[in-house]
Amino acid sequence: MLDLSLTRRLCQRILRSVRRLRAEERLEASTPSEWAVVSRHVPGDAVGFPMPSGGSVRPIAHLADRDDAIAFAAFHTLAAPALRAAARWPLLRARHAGGACRAPVGTGQCAACEATLDDLLLDSFTRLRSALTGPLPTTRSGEPVREMASLCGHLTSRAARGEDAAALAGPLAGPGSDGEPAWLRAARAQLVHYPLRHLEERVRREDAVRRGASARPDRDLRQAAWAAPLRADGAVLDLLILAVFRVRRGVAEPFDVPGDLRERHGLSRTEATRRMGDALRALREANPAFFAANIGEPFPEVAAVPMADPQERLDAAVDRDAARASMHRMLADRANDSVHRMERRISYRAVVAAVCAVGAGRRADPVTVATMNLGLAPKPAGRLVRRLAILVAAAGVDWSEQFTPGTPSGGSPGRSARRHAR
């Protein structure tokens, strides 16, 4: 019987060794080792065939080797590039709101994403090894999974002894084609796509639980006894579920109420803004711990956002508390901000500083500042400045200037701001 826990620990050690070997290979790339003359026959189940580059050929038959170390080395060579490429965008959306994900030093991704990729690789390897040594996984109807049967059959065939895992890693990471072998298509489905199913939502949920948030906040709001008063009004329940999931997804304006939800409950924009604020206050009173873990602090006294259309009438503008809450979300620093988000916040502060300067009677050109720092064309920059002017007027110029200490009100502060962010 295959000891899966022992296999997992062994594979974790191999992963660490692979990272060290990659670093050593980069250092030794300028002085490749000489071709080792093969003086004796090397069987197909050996660790690898020597190559002039100093590496070794790993037949895909090694994936079925009884030695877990040999099997995982071949599996990593074959499947790791494809799995990393396929997981990249789901992880970026789940953890970085579509922004960049970089390692602190060197190449690769952040520590959290690298750990997730390692876990996915180990889970895929463990599943394959279990299928090779035991019963095949089955469908809901109890039938063996045909793709896994096809893959295992090929890995244990004579043809697999002559197929290089490194040479097949590229085709496996590709989109596939009609002419590719059936076993390769099965490998892509079972080793890459199957482990990544629902990855984005799984990562969001796991990260939320790690932070102390609820794994299924919508279920808690719909079923928990403490949330019974919140369920008395269907609009309040829908607004809270919307807000929780938007906060979890890292949406820039999580408390904005979309048009379809307003139409469903017959709410105007102003009424929807007021109801959202009331709903969040009621949630905080009903369960402060749930609110802190799933919504976060600071709590906007009236959870509203800037109007989607800045040219709407001023009498529909948000009130002072709502404007201040929106500006706080847009401009205040956050501990988990990425470098990209920090730079965007600094650029917005520069535009707000220019708007405040105009409001205080000083010379400034907010549209030019928005154009130079945010990369906007003049027309979109003008719309943004009008929207921010509504917020600054509602929140108060003196209050708004607290987010812009030392920021020039004209010119191009973006370069100095980015130096400050670094």
Protein backbone atom coordinates (compact mmCIF):
# COMPACT_ATOMS: atom_id res chain seq x y z
CA MET A 1 0.00 0.00 0.00
CA LEU A 2 1.14 3.54 -0.76
CA ASP A 3 1.75 5.62 2.35
CA LEU A 4 0.31 8.94 1.17
CA SER A 5 1.44 10.91 4.21
CA LEU A 6 5.01 9.66 3.77
CA THR A 7 4.82 10.43 0.05
CA ARG A 8 3.66 13.98 0.77
CA ARG A 9 6.51 14.63 3.21
CA LEU A 10 9.02 13.23 0.76
CA CYS A 11 7.65 15.38 -2.06
CA GLN A 12 7.88 18.48 0.10
CA ARG A 13 11.56 17.77 0.67
CA ILE A 14 12.04 17.24 -3.07
CA LEU A 15 10.34 20.56 -3.82
CA ARG A 16 12.79 22.35 -1.56
CA SER A 17 15.66 20.54 -3.27
CA VAL A 18 14.32 21.52 -6.70
CA ARG A 19 14.36 25.19 -5.70
CA ARG A 20 17.96 24.92 -4.52
CA LEU A 21 18.99 23.13 -7.73
CA ARG A 22 17.36 25.85 -9.84
CA ALA A 23 19.41 28.48 -8.06
CA GLU A 24 22.60 26.46 -8.51
CA GLU A 25 21.84 25.90 -12.20
CA ARG A 26 21.46 29.65 -12.74
CA LEU A 27 24.81 30.25 -11.08
CA GLU A 28 26.54 27.51 -13.10
CA ALA A 29 24.90 28.41 -16.43
CA SER A 30 28.05 30.18 -17.59
CA THR A 31 30.22 27.07 -17.03
CA PRO A 32 28.25 24.02 -18.16
CA SER A 33 29.64 20.64 -17.25
CA GLU A 34 31.30 18.51 -19.93
CA TRP A 35 29.55 15.65 -21.65
CA ALA A 36 29.91 12.50 -19.58
CA VAL A 37 30.69 9.49 -21.76
CA VAL A 38 28.23 6.69 -21.11
CA SER A 39 30.37 3.57 -20.82
CA ARG A 40 27.62 1.17 -19.84
CA HIS A 41 23.94 0.59 -20.58
CA VAL A 42 21.62 2.61 -18.35
CA PRO A 43 18.25 0.89 -17.87
CA GLY A 44 15.00 2.78 -18.50
CA ASP A 45 14.09 2.84 -14.82
CA ALA A 46 17.32 4.54 -13.72
CA VAL A 47 17.34 8.03 -12.30
CA GLY A 48 18.04 9.56 -15.75
CA PHE A 49 20.12 9.49 -18.91
CA PRO A 50 23.09 11.94 -18.99
CA MET A 51 22.91 14.84 -21.45
CA PRO A 52 25.60 17.17 -22.85
CA SER A 53 24.06 20.09 -20.95
CA GLY A 54 24.81 18.41 -17.66
CA GLY A 55 21.16 17.56 -17.01
CA SER A 56 19.40 14.25 -17.58
CA VAL A 57 16.54 12.82 -19.57
CA ARG A 58 13.67 11.75 -17.36
CA PRO A 59 11.35 9.36 -19.18
CA ILE A 60 7.71 9.81 -18.31
CA ALA A 61 7.76 6.14 -17.32
CA HIS A 62 9.47 7.36 -14.15
CA LEU A 63 6.08 8.67 -12.98
CA ALA A 64 5.12 5.02 -12.42
CA ASP A 65 8.39 4.12 -10.69
CA ARG A 66 8.08 2.48 -7.27
CA ASP A 67 10.50 5.05 -5.81
CA ASP A 68 8.57 8.20 -4.89
CA ALA A 69 11.66 10.38 -5.25
CA ILE A 70 12.24 9.27 -8.85
CA ALA A 71 8.53 9.55 -9.63
CA PHE A 72 8.15 13.05 -8.23
CA ALA A 73 11.23 14.38 -10.02
CA ALA A 74 9.73 13.29 -13.35
CA PHE A 75 6.27 14.54 -12.38
CA HIS A 76 7.65 17.97 -11.44
CA THR A 77 9.50 18.22 -14.76
CA LEU A 78 6.39 17.29 -16.74
CA ALA A 79 3.52 18.96 -14.91
CA ALA A 80 4.87 21.92 -12.91
CA PRO A 81 5.17 24.39 -15.85
CA ALA A 82 1.63 23.63 -17.04
CA LEU A 83 0.13 23.84 -13.57
CA ARG A 84 1.89 27.12 -12.77
CA ALA A 85 0.77 28.69 -16.04
CA ALA A 86 -2.85 27.58 -15.61
CA ALA A 87 -3.02 28.72 -11.97
CA ARG A 88 -1.48 32.15 -12.55
CA TRP A 89 -4.59 34.18 -13.38
CA PRO A 90 -6.94 32.58 -10.84
CA LEU A 91 -4.37 33.32 -8.12
CA LEU A 92 -3.87 36.90 -9.33
CA ARG A 93 -7.61 37.53 -9.24
CA ALA A 94 -8.08 35.84 -5.88
CA ARG A 95 -5.18 37.44 -3.99
CA HIS A 96 -4.01 40.50 -5.91
CA ALA A 97 -7.18 41.85 -7.60
CA GLY A 98 -5.60 41.12 -10.98
CA GLY A 99 -2.41 43.05 -10.15
CA ALA A 100 1.17 41.84 -10.15
CA CYS A 101 2.39 39.00 -7.94
CA ARG A 102 6.13 38.98 -7.40
CA ALA A 103 8.56 37.28 -5.09
CA PRO A 104 10.38 39.54 -2.58
CA VAL A 105 13.67 38.66 -4.32
CA GLY A 106 14.40 36.86 -7.54
CA THR A 107 11.82 35.35 -9.86
CA GLY A 108 8.61 33.59 -8.96
CA GLN A 109 5.48 34.64 -7.12
CA CYS A 110 4.72 35.78 -3.59
CA ALA A 111 5.16 33.33 -0.72
CA ALA A 112 1.42 32.66 -0.37
CA CYS A 113 0.97 31.86 -4.07
CA GLU A 114 4.11 29.71 -4.14
CA ALA A 115 2.79 27.72 -1.17
CA THR A 116 -0.55 27.25 -2.94
CA LEU A 117 1.21 26.07 -6.11
CA ASP A 118 3.28 23.59 -4.10
CA ASP A 119 0.13 22.21 -2.47
CA LEU A 120 -1.61 21.89 -5.85
CA LEU A 121 1.41 20.09 -7.30
CA LEU A 122 1.57 17.68 -4.37
CA ASP A 123 -2.16 17.00 -4.47
CA SER A 124 -2.01 16.24 -8.19
CA PHE A 125 1.00 13.96 -7.73
CA THR A 126 -0.61 12.12 -4.82
CA ARG A 127 -3.79 11.56 -6.83
CA LEU A 128 -1.82 10.17 -9.77
CA ARG A 129 0.26 7.86 -7.57
CA SER A 130 -2.86 6.61 -5.86
CA ALA A 131 -4.38 5.77 -9.26
CA LEU A 132 -1.20 3.99 -10.35
CA THR A 133 -0.92 1.84 -7.23
CA GLY A 134 -4.57 1.35 -6.31
CA PRO A 135 -8.06 1.63 -7.72
CA LEU A 136 -8.74 4.31 -10.30
CA PRO A 137 -10.87 7.30 -9.27
CA THR A 138 -14.49 6.88 -10.29
CA THR A 139 -17.25 9.10 -11.59
CA ARG A 140 -20.50 9.71 -9.74
CA SER A 141 -21.99 6.71 -11.47
CA GLY A 142 -19.17 4.50 -10.17
CA GLU A 143 -17.36 4.13 -13.49
CA PRO A 144 -13.55 4.54 -13.61
CA VAL A 145 -12.43 7.93 -14.93
CA ARG A 146 -11.48 7.14 -18.52
CA GLU A 147 -8.90 9.93 -18.80
CA MET A 148 -7.03 8.70 -15.73
CA ALA A 149 -7.18 5.12 -17.02
CA SER A 150 -5.73 6.27 -20.35
CA LEU A 151 -2.95 8.22 -18.63
CA CYS A 152 -1.98 5.39 -16.26
CA GLY A 153 -2.02 2.90 -19.11
CA HIS A 154 0.40 4.99 -21.14
CA LEU A 155 2.77 5.68 -18.24
CA THR A 156 3.17 1.96 -17.64
CA SER A 157 3.63 1.11 -21.34
CA ARG A 158 6.90 0.42 -23.13
CA ALA A 159 6.52 3.59 -25.23
CA ALA A 160 6.73 5.77 -22.13
CA ARG A 161 10.33 4.68 -21.52
CA GLY A 162 11.52 6.67 -24.52
CA GLU A 163 9.49 9.86 -24.01
CA ASP A 164 11.27 12.73 -22.26
CA ALA A 165 9.27 14.51 -19.56
CA ALA A 166 11.04 17.83 -20.19
CA ALA A 167 10.28 17.70 -23.92
CA LEU A 168 6.60 17.05 -23.23
CA ALA A 169 6.24 19.78 -20.58
CA GLY A 170 5.76 22.45 -23.27
CA PRO A 171 2.98 20.64 -25.17
CA LEU A 172 1.27 19.82 -21.85
CA ALA A 173 1.25 23.52 -20.92
CA GLY A 174 -0.21 24.46 -24.32
CA PRO A 175 -3.88 24.71 -25.27
CA GLY A 176 -3.93 21.29 -26.92
CA SER A 177 -4.64 20.33 -30.50
CA ASP A 178 -6.61 17.75 -32.45
CA GLY A 179 -3.49 15.85 -33.43
CA GLU A 180 -1.98 15.40 -29.96
CA PRO A 181 -1.89 11.95 -28.33
CA ALA A 182 -4.93 10.97 -26.31
CA TRP A 183 -2.82 10.29 -23.21
CA LEU A 184 -1.39 13.86 -23.32
CA ARG A 185 -4.88 15.32 -23.51
CA ALA A 186 -5.86 13.09 -20.59
CA ALA A 187 -2.79 14.25 -18.62
CA ARG A 188 -3.75 17.90 -19.13
CA ALA A 189 -7.27 17.23 -17.88
CA GLN A 190 -6.31 15.11 -14.86
CA LEU A 191 -2.97 16.57 -13.75
CA VAL A 192 -3.62 20.26 -14.49
CA HIS A 193 -7.27 21.20 -14.98
CA TYR A 194 -8.82 18.91 -12.39
CA PRO A 195 -6.68 20.15 -9.44
CA LEU A 196 -7.44 23.77 -10.44
CA ARG A 197 -11.24 23.47 -10.49
CA HIS A 198 -12.86 26.35 -8.55
CA LEU A 199 -9.35 27.50 -7.55
CA GLU A 200 -10.19 31.20 -7.39
CA GLU A 201 -13.12 30.76 -5.02
CA ARG A 202 -11.28 28.17 -2.94
CA VAL A 203 -8.32 30.48 -2.42
CA ARG A 204 -10.56 33.41 -1.50
CA ARG A 205 -12.44 31.27 1.00
CA GLU A 206 -9.28 29.76 2.54
CA ASP A 207 -7.60 33.18 2.83
CA ALA A 208 -10.73 34.61 4.44
CA VAL A 209 -10.88 31.79 6.98
CA ARG A 210 -7.19 32.28 7.73
CA ARG A 211 -7.95 35.92 8.52
CA GLY A 212 -10.75 34.86 10.84
CA ALA A 213 -13.60 35.54 8.42
CA SER A 214 -16.47 33.19 7.64
CA ALA A 215 -16.00 30.47 5.06
CA ARG A 216 -19.60 30.91 3.84
CA PRO A 217 -20.78 34.36 4.92
CA ASP A 218 -23.88 34.17 2.74
CA ARG A 219 -24.95 30.98 4.52
CA ASP A 220 -24.39 32.61 7.93
CA LEU A 221 -26.48 35.61 6.95
CA ARG A 222 -29.26 33.39 5.59
CA GLN A 223 -29.33 30.77 8.36
CA ALA A 224 -27.60 31.89 11.59
CA ALA A 225 -29.86 32.70 14.52
CA TRP A 226 -28.04 35.97 15.25
CA ALA A 227 -28.84 37.19 11.71
CA ALA A 228 -32.61 36.62 12.02
CA PRO A 229 -33.38 40.37 12.46
CA LEU A 230 -31.38 41.13 9.31
CA ARG A 231 -33.46 38.68 7.27
CA ALA A 232 -36.72 40.48 8.05
CA ASP A 233 -36.05 42.80 5.10
CA GLY A 234 -35.04 41.09 1.86
CA ALA A 235 -33.31 44.20 0.58
CA VAL A 236 -31.10 44.41 3.69
CA LEU A 237 -30.07 40.75 3.31
CA ASP A 238 -29.21 41.16 -0.38
CA LEU A 239 -27.23 44.34 0.31
CA LEU A 240 -25.18 42.67 3.06
CA ILE A 241 -24.38 39.60 0.97
CA LEU A 242 -23.33 41.89 -1.88
CA ALA A 243 -21.09 43.96 0.42
CA VAL A 244 -19.41 40.94 2.03
CA PHE A 245 -18.51 39.32 -1.28
CA ARG A 246 -17.33 42.58 -2.83
CA VAL A 247 -15.04 43.20 0.13
CA ARG A 248 -13.70 39.66 -0.20
CA ARG A 249 -13.04 40.15 -3.91
CA GLY A 250 -11.14 43.38 -3.29
CA VAL A 251 -13.52 45.54 -5.32
CA ALA A 252 -12.47 49.19 -5.22
CA GLU A 253 -15.95 50.44 -4.24
CA PRO A 254 -17.52 47.48 -2.40
CA PHE A 255 -20.55 49.40 -1.08
CA ASP A 256 -21.83 50.67 -4.42
CA VAL A 257 -25.26 49.19 -5.18
CA PRO A 258 -25.53 48.02 -8.80
CA GLY A 259 -28.48 48.94 -10.98
CA ASP A 260 -30.00 45.45 -11.18
CA LEU A 261 -30.19 45.18 -7.39
CA ARG A 262 -31.73 48.64 -7.11
CA GLU A 263 -34.35 47.72 -9.71
CA ARG A 264 -35.14 44.42 -7.96
CA HIS A 265 -36.03 46.23 -4.74
CA GLY A 266 -37.36 49.43 -6.30
CA LEU A 267 -34.67 51.70 -4.86
CA SER A 268 -33.34 54.96 -6.21
CA ARG A 269 -29.60 55.57 -6.10
CA THR A 270 -29.88 57.82 -3.06
CA GLU A 271 -32.21 55.41 -1.27
CA ALA A 272 -29.92 52.45 -2.05
CA THR A 273 -26.97 54.35 -0.56
CA ARG A 274 -28.93 55.07 2.60
CA ARG A 275 -30.18 51.49 2.89
CA MET A 276 -26.65 50.11 2.49
CA GLY A 277 -25.45 52.30 5.35
CA ASP A 278 -28.39 51.21 7.53
CA ALA A 279 -27.76 47.55 6.70
CA LEU A 280 -24.06 47.74 7.64
CA ARG A 281 -24.84 49.49 10.91
CA ALA A 282 -27.42 46.81 11.72
CA LEU A 283 -24.88 44.07 10.94
CA ARG A 284 -22.27 45.66 13.20
CA GLU A 285 -24.78 45.84 16.04
CA ALA A 286 -26.02 42.26 15.50
CA ASN A 287 -22.57 40.64 15.36
CA PRO A 288 -19.52 42.91 15.81
CA ALA A 289 -17.06 40.01 15.41
CA PHE A 290 -18.60 38.92 12.09
CA PHE A 291 -18.59 42.51 10.88
CA ALA A 292 -14.93 43.09 11.82
CA ALA A 293 -13.77 39.84 10.19
CA ASN A 294 -15.80 40.07 6.97
CA ILE A 295 -16.22 43.81 6.37
CA GLY A 296 -13.28 45.28 8.27
CA GLU A 297 -12.46 48.56 9.89
CA PRO A 298 -12.77 51.50 9.78
CA PHE A 299 -16.52 51.30 9.47
CA PRO A 300 -18.04 53.87 7.11
CA GLU A 301 -20.83 55.56 9.03
CA VAL A 302 -22.89 55.59 5.85
CA ALA A 303 -21.46 53.03 3.49
CA ALA A 304 -21.76 54.85 0.22
CA VAL A 305 -19.52 55.35 -2.78
CA PRO A 306 -19.02 58.16 -5.29
CA MET A 307 -21.83 58.28 -7.82
CA ALA A 308 -21.22 56.19 -10.90
CA ASP A 309 -22.04 59.20 -13.10
CA PRO A 310 -20.24 62.30 -11.75
CA GLN A 311 -22.41 64.58 -13.91
CA GLU A 312 -25.63 63.74 -12.12
CA ARG A 313 -27.27 66.57 -10.24
CA LEU A 314 -25.48 67.73 -7.10
CA ASP A 315 -28.60 67.28 -5.04
CA ALA A 316 -28.13 63.50 -5.50
CA ALA A 317 -24.60 63.66 -4.11
CA VAL A 318 -23.62 61.71 -1.03
CA ASP A 319 -23.76 63.54 2.27
CA ARG A 320 -20.77 64.48 4.40
CA ASP A 321 -20.40 61.18 6.25
CA ALA A 322 -20.79 59.13 3.10
CA ALA A 323 -18.27 61.30 1.25
CA ARG A 324 -15.74 60.97 4.06
CA ALA A 325 -16.20 57.20 4.20
CA SER A 326 -15.64 56.95 0.43
CA MET A 327 -12.54 59.16 0.53
CA HIS A 328 -11.14 57.18 3.45
CA ARG A 329 -11.47 53.93 1.49
CA MET A 330 -9.91 55.51 -1.58
CA LEU A 331 -7.00 57.39 0.00
CA ALA A 332 -6.11 55.84 3.38
CA ASP A 333 -3.17 53.42 3.59
CA ARG A 334 -3.87 49.77 4.31
CA ALA A 335 -1.45 47.27 5.79
CA ASN A 336 -1.98 44.65 3.05
CA ASP A 337 -1.74 47.05 0.09
CA SER A 338 0.39 45.90 -2.83
CA VAL A 339 2.95 48.30 -4.32
CA HIS A 340 0.65 48.88 -7.28
CA ARG A 341 -2.30 49.83 -5.07
CA MET A 342 -0.10 52.04 -2.92
CA GLU A 343 1.08 53.93 -6.00
CA ARG A 344 -2.51 54.33 -7.20
CA ARG A 345 -3.55 55.72 -3.81
CA ILE A 346 -0.67 58.22 -3.89
CA SER A 347 -1.69 59.30 -7.40
CA TYR A 348 -5.29 59.85 -6.26
CA ARG A 349 -4.03 61.85 -3.29
CA ALA A 350 -2.17 64.13 -5.71
CA VAL A 351 -5.40 64.81 -7.63
CA VAL A 352 -7.35 65.41 -4.41
CA ALA A 353 -4.60 67.78 -3.24
CA ALA A 354 -5.01 69.80 -6.44
CA VAL A 355 -8.80 69.87 -6.00
CA CYS A 356 -8.36 71.05 -2.40
CA ALA A 357 -5.93 73.74 -3.55
CA VAL A 358 -8.51 75.11 -5.97
CA GLY A 359 -11.15 74.97 -3.24
CA ALA A 360 -8.87 76.95 -0.91
CA GLY A 361 -8.21 79.64 -3.55
CA ARG A 362 -4.72 78.52 -4.54
CA ARG A 363 -3.47 78.02 -8.11
CA ALA A 364 -3.67 74.40 -9.28
CA ASP A 365 -4.68 72.33 -12.30
CA PRO A 366 -6.37 69.09 -11.11
CA VAL A 367 -7.08 67.88 -14.65
CA THR A 368 -3.39 68.08 -15.58
CA VAL A 369 -2.43 66.30 -12.37
CA ALA A 370 -4.91 63.51 -13.10
CA THR A 371 -3.67 63.22 -16.69
CA MET A 372 0.01 62.98 -15.70
CA ASN A 373 -0.32 60.76 -12.62
CA LEU A 374 -3.12 58.40 -13.63
CA GLY A 375 -2.43 58.20 -17.35
CA LEU A 376 -5.91 59.45 -18.28
CA ALA A 377 -6.93 61.33 -21.40
CA PRO A 378 -8.13 64.90 -20.75
CA LYS A 379 -11.84 64.06 -21.03
CA PRO A 380 -11.84 61.11 -18.56
CA ALA A 381 -9.54 63.14 -16.31
CA GLY A 382 -12.09 65.95 -16.30
CA ARG A 383 -14.87 63.56 -15.33
CA LEU A 384 -12.75 62.16 -12.51
CA VAL A 385 -11.93 65.65 -11.21
CA ARG A 386 -15.63 66.61 -11.20
CA ARG A 387 -16.43 63.45 -9.26
CA LEU A 388 -13.68 64.13 -6.73
CA ALA A 389 -14.76 67.76 -6.46
CA ILE A 390 -18.24 66.59 -5.40
CA LEU A 391 -16.67 64.40 -2.73
CA VAL A 392 -14.30 67.10 -1.48
CA ALA A 393 -17.13 69.63 -1.33
CA ALA A 394 -19.30 67.20 0.63
CA ALA A 395 -16.51 66.02 2.95
CA GLY A 396 -15.01 69.49 3.46
CA VAL A 397 -11.77 70.89 2.07
CA ASP A 398 -10.02 71.04 5.46
CA TRP A 399 -10.98 67.44 6.25
CA SER A 400 -9.90 66.21 2.81
CA GLU A 401 -6.46 67.83 3.06
CA GLN A 402 -5.48 65.45 5.87
CA PHE A 403 -4.80 62.78 3.21
CA THR A 404 -2.52 65.04 1.18
CA PRO A 405 0.33 66.19 3.45
CA GLY A 406 3.18 67.59 1.43
CA THR A 407 1.66 66.63 -1.92
CA PRO A 408 2.07 69.32 -4.60
CA SER A 409 -1.17 70.71 -5.99
CA GLY A 410 0.04 70.96 -9.57
CA GLY A 411 2.68 69.57 -11.85
CA SER A 412 3.72 65.91 -11.70
CA PRO A 413 3.99 64.55 -8.17
CA GLY A 414 3.68 60.97 -9.36
CA ARG A 415 7.41 60.41 -9.73
CA SER A 416 8.28 61.62 -6.24
CA ALA A 417 5.27 59.77 -4.84
CA ARG A 418 6.45 56.52 -6.37
CA ARG A 419 9.91 57.05 -4.91
CA HIS A 420 8.24 57.57 -1.54
CA ALA A 421 6.20 54.39 -1.98
CA ARG A 422 9.34 52.40 -2.59
